[in-house]
N, C-alpha and C. Protein backbone atom coordinates (compact mmCIF):
# COMPACT_ATOMS: atom_id res chain seq x y z
N MET A 1 -128.16 18.35 -111.78
CA MET A 1 -128.51 17.94 -110.44
C MET A 1 -128.62 16.41 -110.35
N ARG A 2 -129.24 15.82 -111.35
CA ARG A 2 -129.41 14.38 -111.38
C ARG A 2 -128.06 13.66 -111.45
N ASN A 3 -127.14 14.21 -112.25
CA ASN A 3 -125.81 13.61 -112.35
C ASN A 3 -125.06 13.71 -111.04
N ARG A 4 -125.22 14.85 -110.33
CA ARG A 4 -124.55 15.00 -109.04
C ARG A 4 -125.08 13.98 -108.03
N PHE A 5 -126.41 13.79 -108.05
CA PHE A 5 -127.00 12.81 -107.14
C PHE A 5 -126.48 11.41 -107.46
N GLY A 6 -126.44 11.07 -108.72
CA GLY A 6 -125.92 9.76 -109.14
C GLY A 6 -124.47 9.59 -108.75
N LEU A 7 -123.68 10.65 -108.94
CA LEU A 7 -122.26 10.62 -108.57
C LEU A 7 -122.10 10.46 -107.05
N LEU A 8 -122.89 11.21 -106.29
CA LEU A 8 -122.84 11.13 -104.84
C LEU A 8 -123.27 9.74 -104.37
N PHE A 9 -124.35 9.22 -104.95
CA PHE A 9 -124.82 7.88 -104.60
C PHE A 9 -123.75 6.83 -104.89
N SER A 10 -123.11 6.92 -106.06
CA SER A 10 -122.04 5.98 -106.43
C SER A 10 -120.88 6.08 -105.46
N ALA A 11 -120.51 7.29 -105.09
CA ALA A 11 -119.39 7.48 -104.16
C ALA A 11 -119.72 6.88 -102.80
N LEU A 12 -120.95 7.09 -102.32
CA LEU A 12 -121.35 6.54 -101.02
C LEU A 12 -121.39 5.01 -101.06
N MET A 13 -121.90 4.45 -102.13
CA MET A 13 -121.96 2.99 -102.26
C MET A 13 -120.55 2.39 -102.33
N THR A 14 -119.67 3.04 -103.07
CA THR A 14 -118.30 2.56 -103.17
C THR A 14 -117.62 2.61 -101.81
N ALA A 15 -117.82 3.69 -101.08
CA ALA A 15 -117.23 3.81 -99.74
C ALA A 15 -117.77 2.73 -98.82
N ALA A 16 -119.06 2.44 -98.91
CA ALA A 16 -119.66 1.42 -98.06
C ALA A 16 -119.10 0.04 -98.40
N LEU A 17 -118.92 -0.22 -99.67
CA LEU A 17 -118.40 -1.51 -100.10
C LEU A 17 -116.93 -1.71 -99.72
N LEU A 18 -116.19 -0.63 -99.60
CA LEU A 18 -114.77 -0.73 -99.27
C LEU A 18 -114.51 -0.83 -97.77
N GLN A 19 -115.56 -0.63 -96.96
CA GLN A 19 -115.39 -0.73 -95.51
C GLN A 19 -115.08 -2.18 -95.15
N PRO A 20 -114.18 -2.42 -94.21
CA PRO A 20 -113.92 -3.80 -93.81
C PRO A 20 -115.17 -4.40 -93.17
N ALA A 21 -115.33 -5.71 -93.34
CA ALA A 21 -116.47 -6.39 -92.73
C ALA A 21 -116.36 -6.32 -91.21
N ALA A 22 -117.50 -6.21 -90.57
CA ALA A 22 -117.53 -6.17 -89.11
C ALA A 22 -117.02 -7.50 -88.57
N ALA A 23 -116.25 -7.41 -87.52
CA ALA A 23 -115.71 -8.61 -86.90
C ALA A 23 -116.82 -9.38 -86.21
N THR A 24 -116.71 -10.70 -86.21
CA THR A 24 -117.65 -11.54 -85.49
C THR A 24 -117.42 -11.30 -84.00
N GLU A 25 -118.46 -10.84 -83.33
CA GLU A 25 -118.34 -10.56 -81.90
C GLU A 25 -118.56 -11.84 -81.11
N VAL A 26 -117.65 -12.12 -80.20
CA VAL A 26 -117.75 -13.32 -79.37
C VAL A 26 -117.76 -12.87 -77.92
N THR A 27 -118.87 -13.17 -77.22
CA THR A 27 -119.05 -12.79 -75.82
C THR A 27 -119.48 -14.01 -75.02
N ASN A 28 -119.66 -13.85 -73.74
CA ASN A 28 -120.15 -14.95 -72.90
C ASN A 28 -121.45 -15.52 -73.46
N GLU A 29 -122.31 -14.64 -73.99
CA GLU A 29 -123.62 -15.06 -74.49
C GLU A 29 -123.52 -15.87 -75.78
N THR A 30 -122.38 -15.87 -76.42
CA THR A 30 -122.18 -16.65 -77.64
C THR A 30 -122.38 -18.14 -77.37
N PHE A 31 -121.98 -18.58 -76.20
CA PHE A 31 -121.93 -20.00 -75.89
C PHE A 31 -123.17 -20.40 -75.08
N ARG A 32 -123.83 -21.45 -75.54
CA ARG A 32 -125.09 -21.86 -74.93
C ARG A 32 -125.14 -23.36 -74.73
N CYS A 33 -126.25 -23.85 -74.22
CA CYS A 33 -126.46 -25.27 -73.99
C CYS A 33 -126.13 -26.06 -75.25
N LEU A 34 -125.37 -27.13 -75.10
CA LEU A 34 -125.01 -27.97 -76.26
C LEU A 34 -126.26 -28.48 -76.98
N ASN A 35 -127.32 -28.79 -76.23
CA ASN A 35 -128.54 -29.31 -76.86
C ASN A 35 -129.21 -28.31 -77.77
N ASP A 36 -128.87 -27.03 -77.66
CA ASP A 36 -129.42 -25.99 -78.54
C ASP A 36 -128.61 -25.85 -79.82
N MET A 37 -127.51 -26.59 -79.91
CA MET A 37 -126.66 -26.58 -81.09
C MET A 37 -127.03 -27.79 -81.97
N THR A 38 -126.40 -27.92 -83.11
CA THR A 38 -126.67 -29.03 -84.02
C THR A 38 -125.66 -30.15 -83.78
N PRO A 39 -126.14 -31.36 -83.42
CA PRO A 39 -125.21 -32.47 -83.22
C PRO A 39 -124.71 -33.00 -84.56
N VAL A 40 -123.40 -33.27 -84.61
CA VAL A 40 -122.77 -33.90 -85.77
C VAL A 40 -121.85 -34.99 -85.21
N ARG A 41 -122.19 -36.23 -85.49
CA ARG A 41 -121.49 -37.38 -84.92
C ARG A 41 -121.41 -37.23 -83.39
N HIS A 42 -120.26 -36.94 -82.85
CA HIS A 42 -120.07 -36.86 -81.40
C HIS A 42 -119.75 -35.45 -80.92
N PHE A 43 -119.92 -34.43 -81.78
CA PHE A 43 -119.68 -33.05 -81.36
C PHE A 43 -120.85 -32.18 -81.81
N TYR A 44 -120.79 -30.90 -81.47
CA TYR A 44 -121.88 -29.96 -81.76
C TYR A 44 -121.37 -28.77 -82.54
N VAL A 45 -122.21 -28.25 -83.44
CA VAL A 45 -121.84 -27.06 -84.22
C VAL A 45 -122.97 -26.04 -84.18
N ASP A 46 -122.58 -24.81 -84.45
CA ASP A 46 -123.51 -23.69 -84.55
C ASP A 46 -122.85 -22.68 -85.47
N ASN A 47 -123.53 -21.59 -85.77
CA ASN A 47 -122.91 -20.52 -86.54
C ASN A 47 -123.46 -19.19 -86.08
N LEU A 48 -122.57 -18.32 -85.62
CA LEU A 48 -122.96 -17.02 -85.07
C LEU A 48 -123.58 -16.09 -86.10
N LEU A 49 -123.32 -16.35 -87.38
CA LEU A 49 -123.85 -15.51 -88.44
C LEU A 49 -125.07 -16.15 -89.12
N GLY A 50 -125.53 -17.26 -88.56
CA GLY A 50 -126.71 -17.92 -89.09
C GLY A 50 -126.44 -18.90 -90.22
N ASN A 51 -125.19 -19.11 -90.57
CA ASN A 51 -124.84 -19.98 -91.69
C ASN A 51 -124.67 -21.43 -91.22
N ILE A 52 -125.73 -21.95 -90.60
CA ILE A 52 -125.65 -23.30 -90.03
C ILE A 52 -125.61 -24.37 -91.11
N ALA A 53 -126.29 -24.14 -92.23
CA ALA A 53 -126.31 -25.16 -93.29
C ALA A 53 -124.91 -25.44 -93.82
N GLU A 54 -124.13 -24.39 -94.10
CA GLU A 54 -122.77 -24.60 -94.60
C GLU A 54 -121.87 -25.19 -93.51
N THR A 55 -122.07 -24.75 -92.27
CA THR A 55 -121.29 -25.29 -91.16
C THR A 55 -121.52 -26.79 -91.02
N VAL A 56 -122.78 -27.21 -91.06
CA VAL A 56 -123.12 -28.63 -90.94
C VAL A 56 -122.60 -29.40 -92.16
N ALA A 57 -122.69 -28.80 -93.33
CA ALA A 57 -122.21 -29.48 -94.55
C ALA A 57 -120.71 -29.77 -94.45
N VAL A 58 -119.94 -28.80 -93.99
CA VAL A 58 -118.49 -29.02 -93.85
C VAL A 58 -118.23 -30.06 -92.77
N ALA A 59 -118.94 -29.96 -91.64
CA ALA A 59 -118.75 -30.92 -90.54
C ALA A 59 -119.06 -32.35 -90.98
N ASN A 60 -120.05 -32.50 -91.86
CA ASN A 60 -120.45 -33.83 -92.33
C ASN A 60 -119.69 -34.31 -93.56
N SER A 61 -118.89 -33.46 -94.17
CA SER A 61 -118.21 -33.81 -95.41
C SER A 61 -117.19 -34.92 -95.20
N ALA A 62 -117.22 -35.90 -96.08
CA ALA A 62 -116.25 -36.99 -96.03
C ALA A 62 -114.88 -36.54 -96.53
N ASN A 63 -114.84 -35.38 -97.19
CA ASN A 63 -113.58 -34.88 -97.76
C ASN A 63 -113.04 -33.64 -97.04
N GLY A 64 -113.69 -33.19 -96.00
CA GLY A 64 -113.26 -32.00 -95.28
C GLY A 64 -113.75 -30.74 -95.95
N GLY A 65 -113.11 -29.63 -95.61
CA GLY A 65 -113.49 -28.34 -96.17
C GLY A 65 -113.20 -27.25 -95.17
N ALA A 66 -113.34 -26.02 -95.61
CA ALA A 66 -113.12 -24.86 -94.74
C ALA A 66 -114.44 -24.45 -94.11
N TYR A 67 -114.45 -24.35 -92.80
CA TYR A 67 -115.65 -23.90 -92.10
C TYR A 67 -115.88 -22.43 -92.39
N PRO A 68 -117.14 -22.02 -92.46
CA PRO A 68 -117.44 -20.62 -92.72
C PRO A 68 -117.23 -19.76 -91.48
N GLU A 69 -117.03 -18.48 -91.70
CA GLU A 69 -116.92 -17.53 -90.59
C GLU A 69 -118.15 -17.67 -89.69
N GLY A 70 -117.91 -17.58 -88.40
CA GLY A 70 -118.99 -17.67 -87.43
C GLY A 70 -119.25 -19.08 -86.92
N ALA A 71 -118.59 -20.09 -87.52
CA ALA A 71 -118.80 -21.47 -87.08
C ALA A 71 -118.33 -21.63 -85.63
N VAL A 72 -119.11 -22.35 -84.86
CA VAL A 72 -118.77 -22.71 -83.48
C VAL A 72 -118.73 -24.23 -83.43
N VAL A 73 -117.64 -24.78 -82.87
CA VAL A 73 -117.51 -26.23 -82.74
C VAL A 73 -117.21 -26.53 -81.27
N GLN A 74 -118.00 -27.45 -80.70
CA GLN A 74 -117.80 -27.85 -79.30
C GLN A 74 -117.91 -29.35 -79.17
N LEU A 75 -116.95 -29.94 -78.47
CA LEU A 75 -116.99 -31.35 -78.12
C LEU A 75 -117.57 -31.50 -76.72
N VAL A 76 -117.14 -30.63 -75.82
CA VAL A 76 -117.61 -30.64 -74.43
C VAL A 76 -118.03 -29.21 -74.05
N PRO A 77 -118.85 -29.07 -73.02
CA PRO A 77 -119.35 -27.74 -72.67
C PRO A 77 -118.28 -26.70 -72.34
N ALA A 78 -117.15 -27.13 -71.79
CA ALA A 78 -116.15 -26.18 -71.29
C ALA A 78 -115.09 -25.77 -72.30
N GLU A 79 -115.21 -26.20 -73.55
CA GLU A 79 -114.24 -25.82 -74.58
C GLU A 79 -114.97 -25.52 -75.88
N ALA A 80 -114.44 -24.56 -76.64
CA ALA A 80 -115.06 -24.23 -77.93
C ALA A 80 -114.02 -23.66 -78.88
N MET A 81 -114.36 -23.73 -80.16
CA MET A 81 -113.59 -23.08 -81.23
C MET A 81 -114.58 -22.22 -82.00
N VAL A 82 -114.15 -21.02 -82.37
CA VAL A 82 -114.98 -20.14 -83.19
C VAL A 82 -114.17 -19.71 -84.40
N LYS A 83 -114.74 -19.90 -85.58
CA LYS A 83 -114.09 -19.48 -86.83
C LYS A 83 -114.31 -17.99 -87.00
N ARG A 84 -113.23 -17.25 -87.00
CA ARG A 84 -113.30 -15.80 -87.09
C ARG A 84 -113.18 -15.36 -88.55
N GLU A 85 -113.23 -14.06 -88.79
CA GLU A 85 -113.19 -13.51 -90.14
C GLU A 85 -111.83 -13.79 -90.79
N ALA A 86 -111.84 -13.90 -92.10
CA ALA A 86 -110.62 -14.20 -92.86
C ALA A 86 -109.51 -13.22 -92.50
N GLY A 87 -108.33 -13.74 -92.24
CA GLY A 87 -107.18 -12.91 -91.90
C GLY A 87 -107.06 -12.63 -90.41
N PHE A 88 -107.99 -13.08 -89.59
CA PHE A 88 -107.97 -12.81 -88.15
C PHE A 88 -106.73 -13.39 -87.51
N ASN A 89 -106.40 -14.65 -87.86
CA ASN A 89 -105.17 -15.29 -87.39
C ASN A 89 -104.82 -16.41 -88.36
N PRO A 90 -104.04 -16.12 -89.39
CA PRO A 90 -103.71 -17.14 -90.39
C PRO A 90 -103.06 -18.40 -89.81
N ALA A 91 -102.30 -18.27 -88.75
CA ALA A 91 -101.62 -19.45 -88.17
C ALA A 91 -102.62 -20.49 -87.68
N THR A 92 -103.80 -20.05 -87.23
CA THR A 92 -104.82 -20.97 -86.72
C THR A 92 -105.98 -21.13 -87.71
N ASN A 93 -105.75 -20.81 -88.97
CA ASN A 93 -106.81 -20.85 -89.98
C ASN A 93 -108.01 -20.00 -89.55
N ASP A 94 -107.72 -18.94 -88.79
CA ASP A 94 -108.72 -18.00 -88.29
C ASP A 94 -109.63 -18.58 -87.20
N TRP A 95 -109.21 -19.67 -86.57
CA TRP A 95 -109.94 -20.20 -85.42
C TRP A 95 -109.45 -19.50 -84.16
N GLU A 96 -110.38 -19.22 -83.26
CA GLU A 96 -110.04 -18.75 -81.92
C GLU A 96 -110.51 -19.83 -80.94
N PHE A 97 -109.66 -20.15 -79.96
CA PHE A 97 -109.95 -21.21 -79.00
C PHE A 97 -110.43 -20.60 -77.68
N PHE A 98 -111.34 -21.31 -77.02
CA PHE A 98 -111.94 -20.81 -75.77
C PHE A 98 -111.99 -21.91 -74.73
N GLU A 99 -111.61 -21.55 -73.50
CA GLU A 99 -111.90 -22.37 -72.35
C GLU A 99 -113.04 -21.66 -71.64
N LEU A 100 -114.09 -22.39 -71.33
CA LEU A 100 -115.30 -21.79 -70.80
C LEU A 100 -115.60 -22.28 -69.39
N ASN A 101 -116.15 -21.39 -68.59
CA ASN A 101 -116.67 -21.76 -67.28
C ASN A 101 -118.18 -21.80 -67.44
N VAL A 102 -118.77 -22.97 -67.23
CA VAL A 102 -120.21 -23.12 -67.44
C VAL A 102 -120.90 -23.46 -66.13
N SER A 103 -122.10 -22.93 -65.97
CA SER A 103 -122.93 -23.21 -64.80
C SER A 103 -124.39 -23.06 -65.22
N SER A 104 -125.29 -23.34 -64.30
CA SER A 104 -126.71 -23.17 -64.60
C SER A 104 -127.05 -21.71 -64.88
N GLU A 105 -126.17 -20.81 -64.47
CA GLU A 105 -126.37 -19.37 -64.72
C GLU A 105 -125.95 -18.96 -66.13
N GLY A 106 -125.17 -19.80 -66.82
CA GLY A 106 -124.71 -19.48 -68.17
C GLY A 106 -123.23 -19.76 -68.34
N THR A 107 -122.59 -18.97 -69.20
CA THR A 107 -121.20 -19.19 -69.58
C THR A 107 -120.38 -17.93 -69.33
N THR A 108 -119.17 -18.11 -68.85
CA THR A 108 -118.19 -17.02 -68.85
C THR A 108 -116.94 -17.55 -69.54
N ILE A 109 -116.32 -16.68 -70.31
CA ILE A 109 -115.09 -17.05 -71.01
C ILE A 109 -113.95 -16.99 -70.01
N GLY A 110 -113.29 -18.14 -69.80
CA GLY A 110 -112.15 -18.19 -68.89
C GLY A 110 -110.86 -17.78 -69.59
N LYS A 111 -110.64 -18.38 -70.75
CA LYS A 111 -109.46 -18.08 -71.56
C LYS A 111 -109.89 -18.04 -73.02
N ARG A 112 -109.22 -17.20 -73.78
CA ARG A 112 -109.46 -17.16 -75.22
C ARG A 112 -108.17 -16.77 -75.90
N GLY A 113 -108.00 -17.24 -77.12
CA GLY A 113 -106.81 -16.89 -77.86
C GLY A 113 -106.50 -17.89 -78.95
N PHE A 114 -105.22 -18.07 -79.20
CA PHE A 114 -104.79 -18.85 -80.35
C PHE A 114 -103.86 -19.96 -79.91
N ALA A 115 -102.57 -19.81 -80.06
CA ALA A 115 -101.62 -20.87 -79.72
C ALA A 115 -101.37 -20.99 -78.22
N GLU A 116 -101.87 -20.04 -77.43
CA GLU A 116 -101.55 -20.03 -76.01
C GLU A 116 -102.63 -20.59 -75.08
N VAL A 117 -103.78 -20.96 -75.59
CA VAL A 117 -104.87 -21.43 -74.73
C VAL A 117 -104.64 -22.87 -74.31
N VAL A 118 -104.65 -23.09 -73.00
CA VAL A 118 -104.47 -24.42 -72.42
C VAL A 118 -105.76 -24.75 -71.68
N ASN A 119 -106.30 -25.95 -71.92
CA ASN A 119 -107.56 -26.33 -71.29
C ASN A 119 -107.34 -26.80 -69.85
N ARG A 120 -108.43 -27.10 -69.17
CA ARG A 120 -108.34 -27.48 -67.75
C ARG A 120 -107.67 -28.83 -67.54
N PHE A 121 -107.48 -29.59 -68.61
CA PHE A 121 -106.77 -30.87 -68.52
C PHE A 121 -105.28 -30.71 -68.78
N GLY A 122 -104.85 -29.46 -69.04
CA GLY A 122 -103.44 -29.19 -69.29
C GLY A 122 -103.03 -29.29 -70.74
N GLY A 123 -103.98 -29.52 -71.63
CA GLY A 123 -103.67 -29.63 -73.05
C GLY A 123 -103.75 -28.30 -73.77
N ASN A 124 -102.80 -28.05 -74.63
CA ASN A 124 -102.80 -26.84 -75.45
C ASN A 124 -103.72 -27.08 -76.64
N CYS A 125 -104.76 -26.27 -76.76
CA CYS A 125 -105.77 -26.47 -77.82
C CYS A 125 -105.14 -26.49 -79.21
N PHE A 126 -104.36 -25.47 -79.52
CA PHE A 126 -103.78 -25.36 -80.86
C PHE A 126 -102.80 -26.51 -81.14
N ALA A 127 -102.00 -26.89 -80.14
CA ALA A 127 -101.02 -27.96 -80.34
C ALA A 127 -101.70 -29.27 -80.74
N CYS A 128 -102.89 -29.49 -80.25
CA CYS A 128 -103.63 -30.69 -80.64
C CYS A 128 -104.25 -30.49 -82.03
N HIS A 129 -104.96 -29.38 -82.22
CA HIS A 129 -105.72 -29.17 -83.46
C HIS A 129 -104.84 -28.96 -84.69
N VAL A 130 -103.63 -28.45 -84.50
CA VAL A 130 -102.74 -28.22 -85.65
C VAL A 130 -102.32 -29.55 -86.28
N GLN A 131 -102.49 -30.65 -85.56
CA GLN A 131 -102.15 -31.97 -86.09
C GLN A 131 -103.15 -32.47 -87.14
N ALA A 132 -104.34 -31.86 -87.18
CA ALA A 132 -105.34 -32.30 -88.16
C ALA A 132 -104.81 -32.09 -89.56
N GLU A 133 -105.07 -33.05 -90.44
CA GLU A 133 -104.65 -32.92 -91.83
C GLU A 133 -105.33 -31.68 -92.43
N PRO A 134 -104.67 -31.01 -93.37
CA PRO A 134 -105.14 -29.70 -93.86
C PRO A 134 -106.60 -29.65 -94.31
N GLN A 135 -107.10 -30.71 -94.92
CA GLN A 135 -108.47 -30.67 -95.43
C GLN A 135 -109.52 -30.62 -94.32
N TRP A 136 -109.11 -30.84 -93.06
CA TRP A 136 -110.08 -30.86 -91.96
C TRP A 136 -110.16 -29.53 -91.22
N ASP A 137 -109.43 -28.50 -91.66
CA ASP A 137 -109.54 -27.15 -91.09
C ASP A 137 -109.40 -27.13 -89.57
N LEU A 138 -108.38 -27.84 -89.07
CA LEU A 138 -108.02 -27.91 -87.65
C LEU A 138 -109.05 -28.64 -86.78
N ILE A 139 -109.99 -29.35 -87.38
CA ILE A 139 -110.97 -30.10 -86.60
C ILE A 139 -110.47 -31.54 -86.43
N CYS A 140 -110.35 -31.95 -85.18
CA CYS A 140 -109.89 -33.30 -84.87
C CYS A 140 -111.06 -34.27 -84.85
N ASP A 141 -110.77 -35.48 -85.25
CA ASP A 141 -111.70 -36.60 -85.17
C ASP A 141 -110.84 -37.86 -85.23
N ASN A 142 -111.44 -39.01 -85.14
CA ASN A 142 -110.67 -40.26 -85.09
C ASN A 142 -109.73 -40.45 -86.27
N ASN A 143 -110.10 -39.95 -87.44
CA ASN A 143 -109.29 -40.19 -88.64
C ASN A 143 -108.79 -38.91 -89.29
N HIS A 144 -108.60 -37.86 -88.51
CA HIS A 144 -108.16 -36.57 -89.07
C HIS A 144 -106.69 -36.28 -88.84
N GLY A 145 -105.96 -37.17 -88.18
CA GLY A 145 -104.53 -36.98 -87.99
C GLY A 145 -104.13 -36.49 -86.62
N CYS A 146 -105.07 -36.20 -85.75
CA CYS A 146 -104.76 -35.71 -84.40
C CYS A 146 -104.50 -36.88 -83.45
N GLU A 147 -103.69 -36.61 -82.44
CA GLU A 147 -103.49 -37.61 -81.38
C GLU A 147 -104.82 -37.79 -80.64
N PRO A 148 -105.12 -39.01 -80.24
CA PRO A 148 -106.38 -39.22 -79.50
C PRO A 148 -106.35 -38.51 -78.15
N ILE A 149 -107.51 -38.02 -77.73
CA ILE A 149 -107.60 -37.41 -76.40
C ILE A 149 -107.85 -38.53 -75.39
N PRO A 150 -107.54 -38.27 -74.13
CA PRO A 150 -107.66 -39.35 -73.12
C PRO A 150 -109.08 -39.53 -72.59
N LEU A 151 -110.07 -39.31 -73.42
CA LEU A 151 -111.47 -39.51 -73.04
C LEU A 151 -112.12 -40.47 -74.02
N SER A 152 -112.86 -41.42 -73.49
CA SER A 152 -113.59 -42.35 -74.37
C SER A 152 -114.83 -41.63 -74.91
N ARG A 153 -115.41 -42.18 -75.97
CA ARG A 153 -116.65 -41.62 -76.51
C ARG A 153 -117.75 -41.64 -75.45
N GLY A 154 -117.75 -42.68 -74.63
CA GLY A 154 -118.74 -42.77 -73.55
C GLY A 154 -118.56 -41.65 -72.54
N MET A 155 -117.31 -41.34 -72.18
CA MET A 155 -117.04 -40.24 -71.26
C MET A 155 -117.50 -38.91 -71.86
N ILE A 156 -117.18 -38.71 -73.14
CA ILE A 156 -117.56 -37.47 -73.82
C ILE A 156 -119.08 -37.32 -73.82
N SER A 157 -119.78 -38.39 -74.16
CA SER A 157 -121.24 -38.35 -74.19
C SER A 157 -121.81 -38.00 -72.81
N ALA A 158 -121.26 -38.60 -71.76
CA ALA A 158 -121.73 -38.32 -70.41
C ALA A 158 -121.46 -36.87 -70.02
N ILE A 159 -120.29 -36.35 -70.39
CA ILE A 159 -119.97 -34.94 -70.12
C ILE A 159 -120.98 -34.04 -70.83
N GLN A 160 -121.27 -34.34 -72.10
CA GLN A 160 -122.21 -33.54 -72.86
C GLN A 160 -123.60 -33.54 -72.21
N LYS A 161 -124.01 -34.69 -71.68
CA LYS A 161 -125.34 -34.80 -71.06
C LYS A 161 -125.43 -34.04 -69.73
N THR A 162 -124.29 -33.69 -69.15
CA THR A 162 -124.30 -32.99 -67.87
C THR A 162 -124.01 -31.50 -68.03
N ASP A 163 -124.17 -30.96 -69.24
CA ASP A 163 -123.99 -29.52 -69.46
C ASP A 163 -124.96 -28.78 -68.53
N PRO A 164 -124.44 -28.03 -67.56
CA PRO A 164 -125.32 -27.39 -66.57
C PRO A 164 -126.21 -26.28 -67.16
N ARG A 165 -125.93 -25.85 -68.37
CA ARG A 165 -126.75 -24.81 -69.00
C ARG A 165 -128.02 -25.40 -69.60
N CYS A 166 -128.08 -26.72 -69.71
CA CYS A 166 -129.21 -27.42 -70.33
C CYS A 166 -130.18 -27.92 -69.26
N GLU A 167 -131.38 -28.27 -69.72
CA GLU A 167 -132.33 -28.95 -68.83
C GLU A 167 -131.69 -30.27 -68.39
N PRO A 168 -131.87 -30.65 -67.14
CA PRO A 168 -131.28 -31.92 -66.67
C PRO A 168 -131.73 -33.10 -67.52
N THR A 169 -130.78 -34.00 -67.77
CA THR A 169 -131.02 -35.21 -68.55
C THR A 169 -130.84 -36.42 -67.65
N GLN A 170 -131.71 -37.40 -67.79
CA GLN A 170 -131.58 -38.64 -67.04
C GLN A 170 -130.33 -39.38 -67.51
N LEU A 171 -129.43 -39.68 -66.61
CA LEU A 171 -128.21 -40.40 -66.96
C LEU A 171 -128.43 -41.90 -66.82
N SER A 172 -127.92 -42.64 -67.79
CA SER A 172 -127.99 -44.10 -67.73
C SER A 172 -126.92 -44.60 -66.77
N ASP A 173 -127.00 -45.87 -66.43
CA ASP A 173 -125.96 -46.47 -65.59
C ASP A 173 -124.61 -46.40 -66.29
N GLU A 174 -124.61 -46.55 -67.61
CA GLU A 174 -123.37 -46.45 -68.39
C GLU A 174 -122.79 -45.03 -68.30
N ASP A 175 -123.66 -44.02 -68.41
CA ASP A 175 -123.20 -42.63 -68.27
C ASP A 175 -122.57 -42.41 -66.90
N LYS A 176 -123.24 -42.91 -65.86
CA LYS A 176 -122.74 -42.74 -64.49
C LYS A 176 -121.38 -43.43 -64.33
N ALA A 177 -121.24 -44.62 -64.91
CA ALA A 177 -119.95 -45.33 -64.84
C ALA A 177 -118.87 -44.56 -65.59
N ASN A 178 -119.21 -43.98 -66.73
CA ASN A 178 -118.23 -43.18 -67.49
C ASN A 178 -117.81 -41.94 -66.73
N LEU A 179 -118.73 -41.28 -66.05
CA LEU A 179 -118.38 -40.10 -65.24
C LEU A 179 -117.50 -40.50 -64.06
N LYS A 180 -117.78 -41.63 -63.47
CA LYS A 180 -116.96 -42.12 -62.35
C LYS A 180 -115.54 -42.43 -62.85
N ALA A 181 -115.43 -43.06 -64.02
CA ALA A 181 -114.11 -43.35 -64.60
C ALA A 181 -113.36 -42.06 -64.93
N LEU A 182 -114.08 -41.06 -65.40
CA LEU A 182 -113.47 -39.77 -65.70
C LEU A 182 -112.94 -39.11 -64.42
N GLN A 183 -113.74 -39.13 -63.37
CA GLN A 183 -113.29 -38.57 -62.09
C GLN A 183 -112.05 -39.28 -61.58
N ALA A 184 -112.00 -40.58 -61.71
CA ALA A 184 -110.83 -41.37 -61.28
C ALA A 184 -109.60 -40.99 -62.10
N ALA A 185 -109.78 -40.84 -63.40
CA ALA A 185 -108.66 -40.47 -64.27
C ALA A 185 -108.14 -39.07 -63.94
N MET A 186 -109.06 -38.15 -63.67
CA MET A 186 -108.64 -36.78 -63.33
C MET A 186 -107.93 -36.74 -61.98
N ALA A 187 -108.39 -37.55 -61.03
CA ALA A 187 -107.75 -37.60 -59.72
C ALA A 187 -106.34 -38.18 -59.81
N ALA A 188 -106.12 -39.09 -60.75
CA ALA A 188 -104.81 -39.71 -60.92
C ALA A 188 -103.79 -38.74 -61.53
N ASN A 189 -104.28 -37.72 -62.24
CA ASN A 189 -103.35 -36.76 -62.87
C ASN A 189 -103.08 -35.69 -61.91
């Protein structure tokens, strides 16, 4: 009887171990106020599986690295990247791209996918991020190999401060000027 129980227990444990890992679920609730995420230089990171320490370590690494599953990277409130489980999409290093609609009520996912997601500025997310040198795991920055985006750091900072999901932040005169310049640039396109 004892051997049968041991055999049954071993069989159940083996079956459990062979089950594929549950996919990282990404819903509207996944995305929250940027201020609730961890700032790294000029962008924000989080991790849906709680692995924020490794996510921050890779984001801060001078040599790059592979982001862990569940990593969320956001430069502005209306766009995000989520690192999915290994094998989810090898072409994008398992990143899924999101265009988000944000308001004081929360977030709704407008678009999601891989090579086909185009942001509200007309830029293809993957086409930009694929330019990053391999050690940066598709994350763009000033020295990662990507073409510069048409937003200044000041504009990006002002956009981040106006995330409608966050408590209102007092904008400086510089922030207001950057938002005005951004509006002018968008009107010209």
